Amino acid sequence: MAVSLEQFTLAIILAALFAIIYLLRVLVLLERRIARMDDNLFRITRKIVKEEKKIEYEFEHPCAAKPATPAKKRRR
């Protein structure tokens, strides 16, 4: 069973195309994962900024600071 040069060339081209398609799929999955990480970092940053503003306000207005409330007990 001999393979002609045309069949061999066609097999190489098809293999290259399938490899490109697979790599594009991997790149799309990685991009989605990075986008989720970016969203999480943005959410964490907003929480930190909110806490820092709260701390700055309490530092500038010590009389306005609310006393700490004890944590509620969790039910099981």
Protein backbone atom coordinates (compact mmCIF):
# COMPACT_ATOMS: atom_id res chain seq x y z
CA MET A 1 0.00 0.00 0.00
CA ALA A 2 1.94 2.95 -1.30
CA VAL A 3 0.99 6.48 -0.47
CA SER A 4 1.34 8.95 -3.26
CA LEU A 5 3.03 12.31 -2.80
CA GLU A 6 -0.34 14.07 -3.21
CA GLN A 7 -1.94 12.00 -0.43
CA PHE A 8 1.04 12.60 1.84
CA THR A 9 0.89 16.37 1.21
CA LEU A 10 -2.85 16.39 1.82
CA ALA A 11 -2.39 14.48 5.09
CA ILE A 12 0.21 17.00 6.29
CA ILE A 13 -2.05 19.94 5.40
CA LEU A 14 -5.03 18.39 7.20
CA ALA A 15 -2.94 17.62 10.28
CA ALA A 16 -1.71 21.23 10.35
CA LEU A 17 -5.29 22.53 10.06
CA PHE A 18 -6.50 20.30 12.89
CA ALA A 19 -3.57 21.43 15.04
CA ILE A 20 -4.44 25.09 14.39
CA ILE A 21 -8.10 24.49 15.26
CA TYR A 22 -7.13 22.73 18.49
CA LEU A 23 -4.73 25.52 19.48
CA LEU A 24 -7.42 28.15 18.81
CA ARG A 25 -9.76 26.23 21.11
CA VAL A 26 -7.10 26.18 23.83
CA LEU A 27 -6.47 29.91 23.39
CA VAL A 28 -10.18 30.68 23.73
CA LEU A 29 -10.40 28.65 26.94
CA LEU A 30 -7.33 30.41 28.36
CA GLU A 31 -8.76 33.81 27.44
CA ARG A 32 -11.99 33.00 29.27
CA ARG A 33 -10.05 31.88 32.34
CA ILE A 34 -7.96 35.07 32.31
CA ALA A 35 -11.13 37.16 31.96
CA ARG A 36 -12.60 35.45 35.05
CA MET A 37 -9.39 36.11 36.97
CA ASP A 38 -9.53 39.76 35.88
CA ASP A 39 -13.13 40.06 37.08
CA ASN A 40 -12.21 38.52 40.43
CA LEU A 41 -9.27 40.89 40.85
CA PHE A 42 -11.52 43.85 40.01
CA ARG A 43 -14.08 42.70 42.59
CA ILE A 44 -11.38 42.26 45.26
CA THR A 45 -9.96 45.70 44.44
CA ARG A 46 -13.39 47.31 44.87
CA LYS A 47 -13.77 45.63 48.28
CA ILE A 48 -10.34 46.86 49.38
CA VAL A 49 -11.09 50.42 48.25
CA LYS A 50 -14.40 50.33 50.11
CA GLU A 51 -12.69 49.14 53.31
CA GLU A 52 -9.95 51.76 52.98
CA LYS A 53 -12.50 54.55 52.55
CA LYS A 54 -14.29 53.29 55.65
CA ILE A 55 -11.01 53.25 57.63
CA GLU A 56 -10.07 56.75 56.40
CA TYR A 57 -13.47 58.09 57.41
CA GLU A 58 -13.18 56.54 60.86
CA PHE A 59 -9.67 57.97 61.22
CA GLU A 60 -10.85 61.46 60.24
CA HIS A 61 -14.04 61.29 62.33
CA PRO A 62 -13.25 59.25 65.44
CA CYS A 63 -16.51 60.20 67.18
CA ALA A 64 -18.59 58.87 64.29
CA ALA A 65 -17.08 55.40 64.48
CA LYS A 66 -19.62 52.76 65.39
CA PRO A 67 -18.78 50.31 68.14
CA ALA A 68 -17.99 46.84 66.92
CA THR A 69 -20.93 44.48 67.15
CA PRO A 70 -20.34 40.91 68.29
CA ALA A 71 -20.55 38.25 65.62
CA LYS A 72 -23.78 36.27 65.46
CA LYS A 73 -23.66 32.62 66.33
CA ARG A 74 -24.27 30.30 63.43
CA ARG A 75 -26.98 27.68 63.58
CA ARG A 76 -26.17 24.13 62.65
